[in-house]
């Protein structure tokens, strides 16, 4: 579409006829994120609060539609990069962030670990190095102020503040491990979230994947190393039904579903119904 034609169409949002406004809005929504810069220029130039609101809502709807398509693509192409999935969740609230800015921090941690790690080390020795770099050098840790705050689940804010919840801290850890090619995976334990280090030399048992795990890691407790007995104790203490899935690696999709559910809980506590509705759309895509 020619720029003049687009500008003319945007100007019709000033109309008082709701049918015209709805028709123009639907037409503009169909043109995708390429028209956002022109919409933003119109928003900046608008003198009427009502027009600004319409333009602002339109920009948000286009951005959200693009986000849903990105998340669908991530889900349906294997969900290999957990950081990418977390990035799309963060774009829900921060549409202008770039993946490169998020990835840079992970890459810096990876480089620091890579300088210290080698193939002659045991799995436990490798994890001790990651723990030292992530929790002592880069100062990641739990948020001591508010466990349920939304910022604990947005990966860009976690990277900026170095504070997060069990899932977001695990995502940082998993992202570093993935870049290093280590056999480390998430474990979807309720009321916490763990990481499993699998035995890369063992023939995996399809019936009981927990048999292939060397040990577990708790990123919410500075990477503390755990055995199966500690998980047994935690499950008993929390009065949970001891499901096999609490001991086995989960998929990256499961982790993103957990991350979105954490955000829904956070916004329920804040009473933000609109964000909850939008997050449920993202949840549905992640589960499809």
Protein backbone atom coordinates (compact mmCIF):
# COMPACT_ATOMS: atom_id res chain seq x y z
CA UNK A 1 0.00 0.00 0.00
CA UNK A 2 1.21 3.48 -0.87
CA UNK A 3 2.14 5.64 2.11
CA UNK A 4 -0.32 8.36 1.05
CA UNK A 5 -3.13 5.81 0.89
CA UNK A 6 -2.18 4.47 4.33
CA UNK A 7 -2.09 7.97 5.83
CA UNK A 8 -5.50 8.71 4.34
CA UNK A 9 -6.91 5.51 5.82
CA UNK A 10 -5.44 6.29 9.26
CA UNK A 11 -6.97 9.76 9.13
CA UNK A 12 -10.43 8.17 8.92
CA UNK A 13 -10.03 7.01 12.51
CA UNK A 14 -11.05 10.58 13.33
CA UNK A 15 -14.56 9.83 12.03
CA UNK A 16 -17.55 9.85 14.39
CA UNK A 17 -19.27 6.95 12.63
CA UNK A 18 -18.56 3.74 14.56
CA UNK A 19 -19.18 1.57 11.51
CA UNK A 20 -16.53 3.45 9.55
CA UNK A 21 -14.09 3.27 12.48
CA UNK A 22 -14.64 -0.49 12.87
CA UNK A 23 -14.20 -1.09 9.13
CA UNK A 24 -10.99 0.96 9.00
CA UNK A 25 -9.67 -0.71 12.15
CA UNK A 26 -10.24 -4.19 10.74
CA UNK A 27 -8.62 -3.22 7.46
CA UNK A 28 -5.55 -1.80 9.22
CA UNK A 29 -5.28 -4.85 11.48
CA UNK A 30 -5.01 -7.01 8.37
CA UNK A 31 -1.97 -5.13 7.11
CA UNK A 32 0.30 -6.42 9.86
CA UNK A 33 3.21 -4.94 11.76
CA UNK A 34 4.71 -3.15 8.73
CA UNK A 35 2.34 -0.24 9.28
CA UNK A 36 3.23 0.25 12.96
CA UNK A 37 5.81 3.03 12.30
CA UNK A 38 3.17 5.06 10.45
CA UNK A 39 0.64 4.45 13.21
CA UNK A 40 3.17 5.59 15.80
CA UNK A 41 3.83 8.79 13.85
CA UNK A 42 0.09 9.42 13.71
CA UNK A 43 -0.19 8.76 17.45
CA UNK A 44 2.56 11.30 18.19
CA UNK A 45 0.90 13.91 15.97
CA UNK A 46 -2.64 13.37 17.28
CA UNK A 47 -4.02 16.20 19.41
CA UNK A 48 -7.21 14.43 20.40
CA UNK A 49 -7.04 11.95 23.31
CA UNK A 50 -9.73 9.79 21.72
CA UNK A 51 -7.74 9.44 18.49
CA UNK A 52 -4.59 8.66 20.44
CA UNK A 53 -6.43 5.95 22.33
CA UNK A 54 -7.73 4.39 19.11
CA UNK A 55 -4.29 4.43 17.55
CA UNK A 56 -2.68 3.07 20.70
CA UNK A 57 -5.16 0.20 20.89
CA UNK A 58 -4.65 -0.55 17.21
CA UNK A 59 -0.86 -0.69 17.61
CA UNK A 60 -1.21 -3.03 20.59
CA UNK A 61 -3.59 -5.34 18.68
CA UNK A 62 -1.23 -5.56 15.70
CA UNK A 63 1.74 -6.26 17.97
CA UNK A 64 -0.20 -8.93 19.85
CA UNK A 65 -1.31 -10.61 16.63
CA UNK A 66 2.31 -10.72 15.44
CA UNK A 67 3.41 -12.09 18.82
CA UNK A 68 0.87 -14.92 18.61
CA UNK A 69 2.19 -15.88 15.19
CA UNK A 70 5.77 -15.88 16.48
CA UNK A 71 4.80 -18.08 19.43
CA UNK A 72 2.89 -20.48 17.13
CA UNK A 73 5.94 -20.79 14.92
CA UNK A 74 8.16 -21.50 17.95
CA UNK A 75 5.77 -24.17 19.20
CA UNK A 76 5.31 -25.87 15.84
CA UNK A 77 9.00 -25.88 14.84
CA UNK A 78 10.26 -27.84 17.81
CA UNK A 79 10.66 -25.26 20.61
CA UNK A 80 14.38 -26.01 20.73
CA UNK A 81 15.56 -22.67 22.13
CA UNK A 82 13.95 -22.04 25.53
CA UNK A 83 15.27 -18.47 25.58
CA UNK A 84 13.35 -17.69 22.41
CA UNK A 85 10.12 -18.93 23.99
CA UNK A 86 10.71 -16.83 27.11
CA UNK A 87 11.51 -13.85 24.88
CA UNK A 88 8.10 -14.10 23.20
CA UNK A 89 6.41 -14.18 26.60
CA UNK A 90 8.33 -11.02 27.55
CA UNK A 91 7.27 -9.32 24.30
CA UNK A 92 3.70 -9.55 25.56
CA UNK A 93 4.46 -6.74 28.00
CA UNK A 94 7.53 -5.24 26.30
CA UNK A 95 6.78 -5.31 22.54
CA UNK A 96 9.84 -3.25 21.58
CA UNK A 97 12.54 -5.45 23.15
CA UNK A 98 14.96 -7.25 20.82
CA UNK A 99 16.10 -10.85 21.09
CA UNK A 100 19.72 -9.80 20.69
CA UNK A 101 19.58 -7.69 23.84
CA UNK A 102 18.23 -10.65 25.83
CA UNK A 103 20.62 -13.14 24.26
CA UNK A 104 23.68 -10.95 24.94
CA UNK A 105 23.53 -11.55 28.70
CA UNK A 106 23.21 -15.31 28.22
CA UNK A 107 26.11 -15.25 25.79
CA UNK A 108 28.26 -13.35 28.30
CA UNK A 109 27.56 -15.99 30.95
CA UNK A 110 28.32 -18.75 28.44
CA UNK A 111 31.67 -17.18 27.57
CA UNK A 112 32.62 -16.90 31.23
CA UNK A 113 31.71 -20.56 31.81
CA UNK A 114 33.44 -21.70 28.61
CA UNK A 115 36.73 -20.20 29.79
CA UNK A 116 36.64 -22.44 32.87
CA UNK A 117 35.04 -25.63 31.59
CA UNK A 118 36.50 -28.57 29.65
CA UNK A 119 35.55 -32.09 28.60
CA UNK A 120 37.78 -33.67 31.24
CA UNK A 121 35.59 -32.38 34.06
CA UNK A 122 32.83 -34.47 35.61
CA UNK A 123 29.20 -33.39 35.31
CA UNK A 124 29.23 -32.19 38.91
CA UNK A 125 32.41 -30.16 38.34
CA UNK A 126 30.84 -28.52 35.29
CA UNK A 127 27.74 -27.59 37.27
CA UNK A 128 29.85 -26.11 40.07
CA UNK A 129 31.49 -23.82 37.51
CA UNK A 130 28.13 -22.74 36.06
CA UNK A 131 26.82 -22.11 39.58
CA UNK A 132 29.83 -19.99 40.48
CA UNK A 133 29.64 -17.90 37.28
CA UNK A 134 25.86 -17.44 37.33
CA UNK A 135 25.23 -16.91 41.03
CA UNK A 136 28.52 -15.47 42.32
CA UNK A 137 29.93 -13.56 39.36
CA UNK A 138 26.71 -12.48 37.57
CA UNK A 139 24.74 -12.30 40.86
CA UNK A 140 21.51 -14.01 39.78
CA UNK A 141 19.19 -15.00 42.61
CA UNK A 142 15.67 -15.10 43.96
CA UNK A 143 13.59 -11.96 44.36
CA UNK A 144 13.49 -11.41 48.15
CA UNK A 145 10.78 -8.75 47.99
CA UNK A 146 7.87 -10.22 46.03
CA UNK A 147 7.69 -13.82 44.84
CA UNK A 148 4.58 -13.30 42.68
CA UNK A 149 5.57 -9.99 41.03
CA UNK A 150 5.18 -10.09 37.20
CA UNK A 151 8.76 -8.91 36.67
CA UNK A 152 10.00 -12.24 38.02
CA UNK A 153 8.63 -13.93 34.89
CA UNK A 154 9.70 -11.50 32.16
CA UNK A 155 13.12 -12.66 31.01
CA UNK A 156 14.31 -9.16 30.05
CA UNK A 157 13.55 -7.86 33.54
CA UNK A 158 15.10 -10.92 35.16
CA UNK A 159 18.28 -10.31 33.17
CA UNK A 160 18.27 -6.61 34.04
CA UNK A 161 17.60 -7.03 37.77
CA UNK A 162 19.33 -10.43 38.16
CA UNK A 163 16.30 -11.47 40.23
CA UNK A 164 13.65 -14.03 39.35
CA UNK A 165 11.43 -16.93 40.39
CA UNK A 166 12.20 -20.68 40.10
CA UNK A 167 11.06 -20.90 36.46
CA UNK A 168 12.77 -17.77 35.12
CA UNK A 169 16.06 -18.55 36.89
CA UNK A 170 15.88 -22.07 35.46
CA UNK A 171 15.38 -20.59 31.98
CA UNK A 172 18.56 -18.53 32.35
CA UNK A 173 20.43 -21.64 33.53
CA UNK A 174 18.99 -23.83 30.77
CA UNK A 175 19.82 -21.23 28.12
CA UNK A 176 23.46 -21.18 29.18
CA UNK A 177 23.60 -25.00 29.29
CA UNK A 178 21.99 -25.26 25.83
CA UNK A 179 24.63 -22.95 24.35
CA UNK A 180 27.32 -25.10 25.95
CA UNK A 181 25.78 -28.32 24.62
CA UNK A 182 25.27 -29.82 28.08
CA UNK A 183 22.54 -32.47 28.70
CA UNK A 184 20.60 -30.34 31.17
CA UNK A 185 16.77 -30.20 31.11
CA UNK A 186 13.91 -28.68 33.08
CA UNK A 187 11.89 -30.67 35.63
CA UNK A 188 8.37 -29.35 36.20
CA UNK A 189 8.12 -29.80 39.97
CA UNK A 190 5.12 -27.99 41.55
CA UNK A 191 5.88 -25.11 43.94
CA UNK A 192 9.44 -25.08 42.65
CA UNK A 193 11.25 -25.82 39.39
CA UNK A 194 14.33 -27.98 39.08
CA UNK A 195 16.90 -28.90 36.43
CA UNK A 196 18.12 -32.41 35.67
CA UNK A 197 21.60 -33.35 34.47
CA UNK A 198 21.22 -36.49 32.35
CA UNK A 199 23.91 -39.10 31.86
CA UNK A 200 25.03 -38.40 28.29
CA UNK A 201 26.76 -41.81 28.04
CA UNK A 202 23.83 -43.93 29.21
CA UNK A 203 21.24 -45.54 26.93
CA UNK A 204 18.10 -43.63 27.84
CA UNK A 205 15.24 -45.57 29.38
CA UNK A 206 12.04 -44.60 27.58
CA UNK A 207 9.89 -46.05 30.36
CA UNK A 208 11.57 -44.25 33.28
CA UNK A 209 13.68 -41.28 32.21
CA UNK A 210 14.52 -40.49 35.83
CA UNK A 211 16.87 -43.50 35.77
CA UNK A 212 19.00 -41.61 33.25
CA UNK A 213 19.47 -38.61 35.54
CA UNK A 214 22.74 -38.14 37.39
CA UNK A 215 21.41 -35.46 39.75
CA UNK A 216 19.10 -32.49 40.03
CA UNK A 217 19.90 -28.77 40.35
CA UNK A 218 17.86 -26.09 42.14
CA UNK A 219 18.46 -22.69 40.46
CA UNK A 220 16.25 -21.01 43.06
CA UNK A 221 18.78 -22.04 45.72
CA UNK A 222 21.98 -20.95 43.93
CA UNK A 223 22.24 -24.20 41.99
CA UNK A 224 22.16 -26.57 44.95
CA UNK A 225 22.65 -30.17 43.80
CA UNK A 226 19.93 -32.63 44.83
CA UNK A 227 19.26 -36.36 44.63
CA UNK A 228 15.98 -38.21 44.22
CA UNK A 229 15.59 -38.49 48.00
CA UNK A 230 15.45 -34.70 48.36
CA UNK A 231 12.62 -34.59 45.82
CA UNK A 232 10.83 -37.39 47.69
CA UNK A 233 11.10 -35.34 50.87
CA UNK A 234 9.87 -32.17 49.17
CA UNK A 235 6.85 -33.97 47.68
CA UNK A 236 5.96 -35.44 51.07
CA UNK A 237 6.46 -32.10 52.83
CA UNK A 238 4.23 -30.29 50.32
CA UNK A 239 1.63 -33.09 50.47
CA UNK A 240 1.77 -33.65 46.72
CA UNK A 241 0.82 -36.80 44.86
CA UNK A 242 4.17 -38.39 43.84
CA UNK A 243 3.79 -38.34 40.04
CA UNK A 244 6.57 -39.75 37.86
CA UNK A 245 6.66 -36.49 35.86
CA UNK A 246 8.05 -34.71 38.95
CA UNK A 247 11.28 -36.65 38.51
CA UNK A 248 11.62 -36.56 34.72
CA UNK A 249 12.72 -33.91 32.19
CA UNK A 250 9.90 -31.83 30.72
CA UNK A 251 9.69 -30.15 27.32
CA UNK A 252 10.50 -26.51 26.62
CA UNK A 253 6.82 -26.02 25.84
CA UNK A 254 5.97 -27.24 29.35
CA UNK A 255 8.36 -24.65 30.76
CA UNK A 256 6.75 -21.81 28.78
CA UNK A 257 3.29 -22.99 29.83
CA UNK A 258 4.47 -22.87 33.45
CA UNK A 259 5.95 -19.38 32.87
CA UNK A 260 2.68 -18.07 31.42
CA UNK A 261 0.68 -19.63 34.27
CA UNK A 262 2.97 -17.86 36.76
CA UNK A 263 2.18 -14.57 35.03
CA UNK A 264 -1.55 -15.28 35.13
CA UNK A 265 -1.30 -15.83 38.89
CA UNK A 266 0.70 -12.61 39.24
CA UNK A 267 -1.90 -10.56 37.38
CA UNK A 268 -4.76 -12.25 39.24
CA UNK A 269 -3.24 -10.93 42.45
CA UNK A 270 -3.09 -7.46 40.84
CA UNK A 271 -6.63 -7.74 39.44
CA UNK A 272 -5.56 -7.03 35.85
CA UNK A 273 -8.29 -8.85 33.92
CA UNK A 274 -7.25 -7.59 30.47
CA UNK A 275 -3.72 -8.98 30.76
CA UNK A 276 -5.06 -12.27 32.10
CA UNK A 277 -7.33 -12.66 29.05
CA UNK A 278 -4.44 -12.01 26.65
CA UNK A 279 -2.13 -14.38 28.53
CA UNK A 280 -4.74 -17.11 28.30
CA UNK A 281 -4.60 -16.72 24.52
CA UNK A 282 -0.84 -17.26 24.65
CA UNK A 283 -1.37 -20.22 26.99
CA UNK A 284 -3.78 -21.80 24.51
CA UNK A 285 -1.21 -21.43 21.71
CA UNK A 286 1.52 -22.99 23.86
CA UNK A 287 -0.71 -25.94 24.69
CA UNK A 288 -1.84 -26.56 21.10
